[in-house]
Amino acid sequence: MNPFLRILDKYILKELTLTFLAVLVVLLLITFGSEATKLLADAMQGKIPASVVLQVLLLKIPPALEIILPLVALIGVMLAVGRLYQDQEMVVLNSCAIGPAYFKRVVFLFLIPVALITAWISLQVTPWSYQQERLLISQAQTISPIAGLVPGKFNSLPNNQGVLYTKSIAESGQMESIWLKFADKENDVILVAPVGRFEWIENRVVLVLENGFSYRGLHAAKDVTVQKFARFEGYLPELAQAKLRAKVFEKPTMELFKSTDLNELALLQWRLVTPFGIIVLGLLGLKMSRTGPREGRFAKLFIALVLYIVYNQLLVVGRDGISNGGWPVWLGLWPVTVIFLWFAVTDMKKLPINKAKDWKSRLPFIGEAK
């Protein structure tokens, strides 16, 4: 191999890698900033325990990478190669007989490892992360009964067995000004107590209330019974980890291959197409990197973003079409990938229709003779 080409390969691959990582970091910060805001809001509302917010945020990395890596490939390649056009280095390389075919080869070799990593994330890591996120939240709520309670708000008990309100919760777990109503119609009871706490008794969660009152029959057509108690111990609905059915996003890829459900087959097609999007959009970024002498590296960035949105939305529409039976499963989402790949690797100026226009343009008097 020519030593000059060997040095050039290392130089271009280095530029591609550094630009790719820089774009990846920026997009991850934007994505995680949005996700962190949502998780903190959910924690404030009691939907998830505050103690697992950071872990849940980390588990959202694989699904986020599955979405943003194709965009990173598009922007990264476009900016890295676009710098060669802006600094006039591409003119020198073209004069040395280094043309578009060389850059297609180098960019393709750079994108192959990224596509393999994306395939691993999409086919294995993402389903695992969805499953671990659900189990983590479930276990956190099981271990800490008050983790999901928000003071000053009416909190639903597990399995919608009732509503619990407390004015404040101390660090020790002591609750003040407690109001509890069971949802069972046969057990029409409302409990009010100034203090209370959760205790573990015989491996079950027990709500202990002290010096309170119980009201029975408030919503029934009979007399209301009011009783005062010094200590009340009530077993809450079972908080042991429930064996919930895994969501479709949590299912391993091998199970999707054996499935006949349209929703699962649509998800399988999505996972299979995602790694190829790295190569397709990366080569598209190479095509979009060509700029004129007076154009900057960011001249076509908006157009590139529009193309990415169109590509991604076409995949979403195709996935929805497979889910509802409006698009054949055997065809999958591959037409979108093939069309964009053809557009990425084809030089529009060399198409036969453009050659015909060039031939006519060389005959200035054609059409003028009568």
Protein backbone atom coordinates (compact mmCIF):
# COMPACT_ATOMS: atom_id res chain seq x y z
CA MET A 1 0.00 0.00 0.00
CA ASN A 2 1.19 3.50 -0.81
CA PRO A 3 2.74 5.06 2.35
CA PHE A 4 1.02 8.34 1.52
CA LEU A 5 -2.38 6.65 1.44
CA ARG A 6 -1.62 4.87 4.69
CA ILE A 7 -0.87 8.18 6.40
CA LEU A 8 -3.93 9.74 4.80
CA ASP A 9 -6.12 6.89 6.06
CA LYS A 10 -4.97 7.44 9.63
CA TYR A 11 -5.48 11.18 9.34
CA ILE A 12 -9.02 10.93 7.98
CA LEU A 13 -10.03 8.17 10.41
CA LYS A 14 -8.72 10.29 13.28
CA GLU A 15 -10.76 13.28 12.10
CA LEU A 16 -13.85 11.11 11.72
CA THR A 17 -13.43 9.59 15.18
CA LEU A 18 -12.86 12.89 16.99
CA THR A 19 -15.75 14.61 15.22
CA PHE A 20 -18.01 11.61 15.82
CA LEU A 21 -17.25 11.57 19.56
CA ALA A 22 -17.72 15.33 19.86
CA VAL A 23 -21.14 15.22 18.20
CA LEU A 24 -22.08 12.17 20.29
CA VAL A 25 -21.23 13.94 23.55
CA VAL A 26 -23.23 17.04 22.60
CA LEU A 27 -26.32 15.06 21.60
CA LEU A 28 -26.08 12.87 24.71
CA LEU A 29 -25.96 15.95 26.94
CA ILE A 30 -29.04 17.35 25.21
CA THR A 31 -30.88 14.04 25.45
CA PHE A 32 -29.97 13.39 29.09
CA GLY A 33 -30.86 16.93 30.06
CA SER A 34 -34.37 16.34 28.78
CA GLU A 35 -34.61 12.86 30.32
CA ALA A 36 -33.28 14.07 33.68
CA THR A 37 -35.92 16.80 33.77
CA LYS A 38 -38.68 14.24 33.15
CA LEU A 39 -37.35 11.84 35.78
CA LEU A 40 -37.04 14.55 38.41
CA ALA A 41 -40.62 15.63 37.67
CA ASP A 42 -41.78 12.02 38.03
CA ALA A 43 -39.89 11.72 41.31
CA MET A 44 -41.52 14.90 42.62
CA GLN A 45 -44.93 13.47 41.73
CA GLY A 46 -44.14 10.15 43.40
CA LYS A 47 -44.20 8.07 40.22
CA ILE A 48 -40.67 6.76 40.85
CA PRO A 49 -38.54 6.73 44.02
CA ALA A 50 -36.01 9.54 44.16
CA SER A 51 -33.27 7.09 45.20
CA VAL A 52 -33.22 5.40 41.78
CA VAL A 53 -33.36 8.46 39.52
CA LEU A 54 -29.66 8.30 38.63
CA GLN A 55 -29.76 4.55 37.95
CA VAL A 56 -32.84 4.89 35.77
CA LEU A 57 -31.14 7.71 33.88
CA LEU A 58 -28.13 5.46 33.18
CA LEU A 59 -30.43 2.67 31.97
CA LYS A 60 -31.88 5.07 29.42
CA ILE A 61 -28.50 5.37 27.66
CA PRO A 62 -28.93 2.32 25.34
CA PRO A 63 -32.39 3.35 24.01
CA ALA A 64 -31.08 6.88 23.51
CA LEU A 65 -28.02 5.64 21.63
CA GLU A 66 -30.25 3.54 19.38
CA ILE A 67 -31.96 6.74 18.22
CA ILE A 68 -29.14 9.28 18.13
CA LEU A 69 -26.25 7.17 16.75
CA PRO A 70 -27.54 7.34 13.14
CA LEU A 71 -27.85 11.11 13.50
CA VAL A 72 -24.35 11.28 14.97
CA ALA A 73 -23.02 9.30 11.98
CA LEU A 74 -24.70 11.72 9.58
CA ILE A 75 -23.49 14.92 11.24
CA GLY A 76 -20.08 13.56 12.23
CA VAL A 77 -19.10 12.45 8.73
CA MET A 78 -20.51 15.60 7.16
CA LEU A 79 -18.54 17.92 9.47
CA ALA A 80 -15.29 15.90 9.34
CA VAL A 81 -15.14 15.67 5.55
CA GLY A 82 -16.64 19.13 5.16
CA ARG A 83 -13.61 20.59 6.91
CA LEU A 84 -11.44 19.22 4.10
CA TYR A 85 -13.53 21.16 1.59
CA GLN A 86 -13.47 24.31 3.69
CA ASP A 87 -9.66 24.25 4.15
CA GLN A 88 -9.15 23.50 0.46
CA GLU A 89 -7.49 20.20 1.33
CA MET A 90 -9.95 18.35 -0.88
CA VAL A 91 -8.72 20.30 -3.92
CA VAL A 92 -5.16 19.14 -3.25
CA LEU A 93 -6.28 15.53 -2.75
CA ASN A 94 -8.31 15.57 -5.97
CA SER A 95 -5.28 16.87 -7.84
CA CYS A 96 -3.42 13.82 -6.50
CA ALA A 97 -6.00 11.49 -8.09
CA ILE A 98 -7.74 10.84 -4.74
CA GLY A 99 -11.40 11.08 -5.61
CA PRO A 100 -14.84 10.24 -4.14
CA ALA A 101 -14.32 6.46 -4.36
CA TYR A 102 -11.46 6.67 -1.88
CA PHE A 103 -13.51 8.62 0.67
CA LYS A 104 -16.44 6.22 0.29
CA ARG A 105 -14.12 3.36 1.16
CA VAL A 106 -12.59 5.10 4.19
CA VAL A 107 -15.95 6.27 5.54
CA PHE A 108 -17.44 2.82 5.01
CA LEU A 109 -14.59 1.21 6.97
CA PHE A 110 -15.12 3.75 9.75
CA LEU A 111 -18.87 3.09 9.91
CA ILE A 112 -18.64 -0.72 10.05
CA PRO A 113 -17.51 -0.91 13.74
CA VAL A 114 -20.08 1.73 14.69
CA ALA A 115 -22.81 -0.27 12.96
CA LEU A 116 -21.74 -3.45 14.77
CA ILE A 117 -21.84 -1.68 18.13
CA THR A 118 -25.26 -0.27 17.26
CA ALA A 119 -26.47 -3.76 16.33
CA TRP A 120 -25.34 -5.07 19.72
CA ILE A 121 -27.10 -2.20 21.49
CA SER A 122 -30.30 -2.54 19.48
CA LEU A 123 -30.58 -6.34 19.55
CA GLN A 124 -29.43 -7.08 23.11
CA VAL A 125 -28.68 -4.11 25.35
CA THR A 126 -31.83 -2.05 24.74
CA PRO A 127 -34.31 -4.84 25.65
CA TRP A 128 -32.22 -5.59 28.74
CA SER A 129 -32.20 -1.91 29.80
CA TYR A 130 -36.00 -1.63 29.50
CA GLN A 131 -36.41 -4.74 31.65
CA GLN A 132 -33.90 -3.58 34.26
CA GLU A 133 -35.53 -0.16 34.48
CA ARG A 134 -38.92 -1.70 35.29
CA LEU A 135 -37.45 -4.14 37.82
CA LEU A 136 -35.35 -1.43 39.47
CA ILE A 137 -38.34 0.83 40.09
CA SER A 138 -40.42 -2.11 41.30
CA GLN A 139 -37.75 -3.30 43.72
CA ALA A 140 -37.14 0.22 45.04
CA GLN A 141 -40.82 0.61 45.82
CA THR A 142 -40.84 -2.80 47.48
CA ILE A 143 -37.81 -2.15 49.67
CA SER A 144 -38.89 1.34 50.68
CA PRO A 145 -42.66 1.65 51.09
CA ILE A 146 -42.54 5.41 51.50
CA ALA A 147 -40.23 5.94 48.52
CA GLY A 148 -43.14 6.70 46.23
CA LEU A 149 -45.13 8.80 48.71
CA VAL A 150 -45.26 12.54 48.23
CA PRO A 151 -46.16 14.64 51.30
CA GLY A 152 -49.00 17.06 50.81
CA LYS A 153 -50.55 14.93 48.07
CA PHE A 154 -53.15 12.16 47.88
CA ASN A 155 -51.13 9.03 47.07
CA SER A 156 -52.69 5.89 45.63
CA LEU A 157 -51.86 2.66 47.44
CA PRO A 158 -50.57 -0.34 45.44
CA ASN A 159 -53.17 -2.02 43.25
CA ASN A 160 -55.49 0.97 43.83
CA GLN A 161 -56.54 -0.36 47.21
CA GLY A 162 -56.96 3.09 48.72
CA VAL A 163 -55.66 6.63 49.11
CA LEU A 164 -53.14 7.87 51.66
CA TYR A 165 -52.41 11.49 52.57
CA THR A 166 -49.70 12.76 54.90
CA LYS A 167 -48.72 16.34 55.60
CA SER A 168 -44.99 15.64 56.01
CA ILE A 169 -42.49 12.78 56.10
CA ALA A 170 -39.39 13.02 58.29
CA GLU A 171 -36.04 11.47 57.37
CA SER A 172 -36.70 8.73 59.92
CA GLY A 173 -39.92 7.80 58.11
CA GLN A 174 -42.23 9.38 60.68
CA MET A 175 -45.36 10.78 59.05
CA GLU A 176 -47.62 13.51 60.43
CA SER A 177 -51.31 14.36 59.88
CA ILE A 178 -52.29 11.11 58.18
CA TRP A 179 -55.55 10.51 56.34
CA LEU A 180 -56.26 7.05 54.92
CA LYS A 181 -59.27 5.77 52.97
CA PHE A 182 -59.70 2.21 51.75
CA ALA A 183 -61.27 1.71 48.34
CA ASP A 184 -63.07 -1.49 49.32
CA LYS A 185 -66.83 -0.83 49.38
CA GLU A 186 -67.38 -3.58 51.96
CA ASN A 187 -64.77 -1.97 54.20
CA ASP A 188 -65.94 1.65 54.16
CA VAL A 189 -63.36 2.99 56.60
CA ILE A 190 -61.50 6.28 56.90
CA LEU A 191 -58.60 6.53 59.34
CA VAL A 192 -57.21 9.80 60.69
CA ALA A 193 -54.17 10.02 62.94
CA PRO A 194 -51.66 12.71 63.95
CA VAL A 195 -48.60 10.45 63.53
CA GLY A 196 -47.77 7.17 61.85
CA ARG A 197 -45.05 5.16 60.16
CA PHE A 198 -44.37 2.02 58.16
CA GLU A 199 -42.94 -1.08 59.83
CA TRP A 200 -41.88 -4.49 58.56
CA ILE A 201 -43.64 -7.25 60.51
CA GLU A 202 -43.26 -10.88 59.41
CA ASN A 203 -41.87 -9.78 56.02
CA ARG A 204 -44.88 -7.63 55.30
CA VAL A 205 -45.38 -3.88 55.31
CA VAL A 206 -47.55 -2.65 58.16
CA LEU A 207 -48.91 0.87 58.53
CA VAL A 208 -48.86 1.86 62.19
CA LEU A 209 -51.08 4.77 63.30
CA GLU A 210 -51.19 6.16 66.83
CA ASN A 211 -53.86 8.09 68.77
CA GLY A 212 -56.26 8.39 65.86
CA PHE A 213 -59.91 7.93 64.91
CA SER A 214 -61.69 5.55 62.55
CA TYR A 215 -64.93 6.42 60.72
CA ARG A 216 -67.11 3.63 59.34
CA GLY A 217 -70.19 3.93 57.17
CA LEU A 218 -69.66 7.43 55.83
CA HIS A 219 -70.68 6.39 52.31
CA ALA A 220 -73.29 3.80 53.28
CA ALA A 221 -76.94 4.24 54.09
CA LYS A 222 -76.46 3.47 57.79
CA ASP A 223 -75.22 5.04 60.96
CA VAL A 224 -71.67 6.29 61.10
CA THR A 225 -69.44 4.61 63.66
CA VAL A 226 -66.60 6.61 65.17
CA GLN A 227 -63.94 4.89 67.26
CA LYS A 228 -60.78 6.12 68.88
CA PHE A 229 -57.69 3.95 68.92
CA ALA A 230 -54.32 4.19 70.62
CA ARG A 231 -52.53 2.07 68.05
CA PHE A 232 -53.66 0.74 64.70
CA GLU A 233 -51.76 -1.83 62.65
CA GLY A 234 -52.97 -2.44 59.15
CA TYR A 235 -51.45 -4.64 56.46
CA LEU A 236 -51.20 -2.80 53.20
CA PRO A 237 -51.74 -4.60 49.89
CA GLU A 238 -48.93 -7.02 49.15
CA LEU A 239 -45.83 -5.10 48.11
CA ALA A 240 -43.82 -8.11 47.06
CA GLN A 241 -42.45 -7.92 43.55
CA ALA A 242 -45.23 -8.83 41.15
CA LYS A 243 -44.54 -11.07 38.18
CA LEU A 244 -45.69 -8.58 35.60
CA ARG A 245 -45.82 -9.49 31.95
CA ALA A 246 -42.86 -8.04 30.10
CA LYS A 247 -43.64 -5.23 27.72
CA VAL A 248 -42.94 -5.68 24.05
CA PHE A 249 -39.83 -3.47 24.21
CA GLU A 250 -38.36 -5.75 26.87
CA LYS A 251 -38.60 -8.97 24.87
CA PRO A 252 -35.31 -10.48 23.71
CA THR A 253 -34.68 -10.44 20.00
CA MET A 254 -34.63 -14.25 19.73
CA GLU A 255 -38.19 -14.38 21.08
CA LEU A 256 -39.29 -11.85 18.48
CA PHE A 257 -38.02 -14.14 15.70
CA LYS A 258 -40.41 -16.86 16.92
CA SER A 259 -43.36 -14.53 17.41
CA THR A 260 -46.39 -14.17 15.14
CA ASP A 261 -47.71 -10.98 16.76
CA LEU A 262 -47.61 -8.01 14.38
CA ASN A 263 -46.45 -5.56 17.06
CA GLU A 264 -43.51 -7.78 17.96
CA LEU A 265 -42.62 -8.40 14.32
CA ALA A 266 -42.67 -4.64 13.70
CA LEU A 267 -40.28 -4.16 16.62
CA LEU A 268 -38.03 -6.88 15.21
CA GLN A 269 -37.87 -5.10 11.87
CA TRP A 270 -36.98 -1.87 13.66
CA ARG A 271 -34.11 -3.53 15.53
CA LEU A 272 -32.74 -5.12 12.37
CA VAL A 273 -32.84 -1.93 10.31
CA THR A 274 -31.31 0.36 12.97
CA PRO A 275 -27.64 -0.75 12.48
CA PHE A 276 -27.90 -0.32 8.70
CA GLY A 277 -29.06 3.24 9.31
CA ILE A 278 -25.54 4.01 10.55
CA ILE A 279 -24.02 3.12 7.18
CA VAL A 280 -26.81 4.71 5.14
CA LEU A 281 -26.80 8.03 6.97
CA GLY A 282 -23.01 8.05 7.26
CA LEU A 283 -22.63 7.75 3.49
CA LEU A 284 -25.36 10.34 3.11
CA GLY A 285 -23.30 12.63 5.36
CA LEU A 286 -20.34 12.11 3.03
CA LYS A 287 -22.45 13.25 0.11
CA MET A 288 -23.77 16.25 2.06
CA SER A 289 -20.22 17.29 3.01
CA ARG A 290 -19.48 18.60 -0.47
CA THR A 291 -19.48 22.37 -0.26
CA GLY A 292 -18.53 25.19 -2.55
CA PRO A 293 -15.64 27.62 -2.06
CA ARG A 294 -17.84 30.17 -0.27
CA GLU A 295 -19.89 27.70 1.75
CA GLY A 296 -19.03 26.75 5.35
CA ARG A 297 -19.07 23.38 7.04
CA PHE A 298 -22.55 24.04 8.43
CA ALA A 299 -24.07 25.18 5.13
CA LYS A 300 -26.04 21.95 4.63
CA LEU A 301 -26.59 21.05 8.27
CA PHE A 302 -30.26 22.03 8.18
CA ILE A 303 -30.83 19.95 5.04
CA ALA A 304 -29.09 17.00 6.69
CA LEU A 305 -31.35 17.28 9.74
CA VAL A 306 -34.41 17.36 7.49
CA LEU A 307 -33.22 14.23 5.67
CA TYR A 308 -32.68 12.46 9.01
CA ILE A 309 -36.17 13.40 10.18
CA VAL A 310 -37.68 12.16 6.92
CA TYR A 311 -35.71 8.90 7.15
CA ASN A 312 -36.66 8.30 10.77
CA GLN A 313 -40.33 9.17 10.26
CA LEU A 314 -40.58 6.86 7.25
CA LEU A 315 -39.28 4.05 9.45
CA VAL A 316 -41.82 4.93 12.14
CA VAL A 317 -44.64 4.97 9.59
CA GLY A 318 -43.47 1.62 8.23
CA ARG A 319 -43.29 0.14 11.73
CA ASP A 320 -46.81 1.33 12.48
CA GLY A 321 -47.95 -0.06 9.14
CA ILE A 322 -46.58 -3.50 10.04
CA SER A 323 -48.21 -3.30 13.47
CA ASN A 324 -51.69 -2.66 12.08
CA GLY A 325 -51.32 -5.03 9.14
CA GLY A 326 -51.22 -2.35 6.46
CA TRP A 327 -47.66 -3.16 5.35
CA PRO A 328 -46.33 -6.67 4.55
CA VAL A 329 -44.06 -8.15 7.19
CA TRP A 330 -41.84 -9.91 4.64
CA LEU A 331 -40.99 -6.57 3.02
CA GLY A 332 -40.27 -4.93 6.36
CA LEU A 333 -38.61 -1.54 6.57
CA TRP A 334 -35.92 -2.32 4.00
CA PRO A 335 -37.39 -0.20 1.14
CA VAL A 336 -36.69 2.97 3.13
CA THR A 337 -33.10 1.91 3.79
CA VAL A 338 -32.49 0.88 0.17
CA ILE A 339 -33.87 4.13 -1.25
CA PHE A 340 -31.75 6.31 1.02
CA LEU A 341 -28.68 4.14 0.38
CA TRP A 342 -29.15 4.53 -3.38
CA PHE A 343 -29.48 8.28 -2.96
CA ALA A 344 -26.34 8.37 -0.77
CA VAL A 345 -24.04 6.48 -3.15
CA THR A 346 -25.41 7.71 -6.50
CA ASP A 347 -24.01 10.77 -8.23
CA MET A 348 -27.08 12.51 -9.61
CA LYS A 349 -25.03 14.31 -12.25
CA LYS A 350 -24.12 10.99 -13.89
CA LEU A 351 -27.69 9.75 -14.25
CA PRO A 352 -28.88 9.17 -17.85
CA ILE A 353 -31.52 11.89 -17.59
CA ASN A 354 -28.88 14.45 -16.64
CA LYS A 355 -26.58 13.26 -19.45
CA ALA A 356 -29.40 13.86 -21.92
CA LYS A 357 -29.87 17.38 -20.63
CA ASP A 358 -26.13 18.04 -20.97
CA TRP A 359 -26.20 16.80 -24.59
CA LYS A 360 -29.02 19.15 -25.47
CA SER A 361 -27.33 22.06 -23.73
CA ARG A 362 -24.33 21.66 -26.04
CA LEU A 363 -26.55 22.36 -29.06
CA PRO A 364 -27.56 25.98 -28.56
CA PHE A 365 -29.55 26.19 -31.78
CA ILE A 366 -31.62 23.08 -31.23
CA GLY A 367 -35.28 23.89 -31.27
CA GLU A 368 -34.75 27.21 -32.95
CA ALA A 369 -34.75 25.87 -36.52
CA LYS A 370 -38.14 25.59 -38.12
